[in-house]
Amino acid sequence: MRAAKTLITAALMALAVPVLAGTTLLDFESVSSVTTDLSKDKLYAGLGINFTTNAWSAASRKAKTDPGEGYFYRGLDANGFTNNRGGLWIWDGDTDTGELSFFINVAKGFNTEFGLSYTTGDGVAGRVEIYSEENGKGELVNDLALASTGACPADPSYLCKWNDPTISLNGKVGKSIRITGANTQLIFDDFRFQLNGGGTQVPEPGGVALSLAALGALAWSRKRKAS
């Protein structure tokens, strides 16, 4: 009986632990088939997320549905189409070479870690920097160098080799992400982070298991007492 009470008490404590916030995903699948300036398009403004100049959306020319103008894809089916339609392109509206950067500002802030997928031209590298305030102000929370992924082996004019790194925020909060790289030579997709005060919340798995065990112990103890 004492063991059952102890387990029940522990379960109640487990239910009181913080929940895991749901991950916010920016997958760019709803972008226009025409290359669009995201500083004006406000694609994710409803989430309090905005982009500065040099951030442009693009849809893949190889998209299975509503193909666009972008020379990129991620995996092709037997008919040469891809389910990976939309992406974010670093571009200044011109074809000139040179290094560019843009900011993604997140009004609510985000924590835990930041993840992304990216592909680059051959020999091209980039960098991601996370700051504590919008537009790169405040503290540099963390940064990550983006190594070259290289061009597609079958068709070098396309970008199709993707890396999927994550960057820890080390217990801090970020409000802006600066991305730097060569003009027209980097494409990004699937930005992943946890918005402060947002996302679907789910209990910690350990807390759920402990709670179920406690309910079983309670039922067993009552049955034993009744007999």
Foldseek 3Di string as FASTA:
>chain_A
DVVLVVLQVVLVVQVVDDWDFAKDKFFQPPDALEKAFQQPPVPPVVQVKGKDGQKIKHFDCQAPPNHHDAQEAADADPVRHHPSTMWIARARPDDDKDKDKMKIFGVQWFAFKKKKKKAFAPPWKKKKWFAAHPPRDHDGQDMDIGGHQYADPVDRVGTHRMDMDMGHSPGGTTGMMMMMIIHRTMIIGIIITGGVVDHDTDRDPVSVVSNVVSVVSVVVVVVVVVD
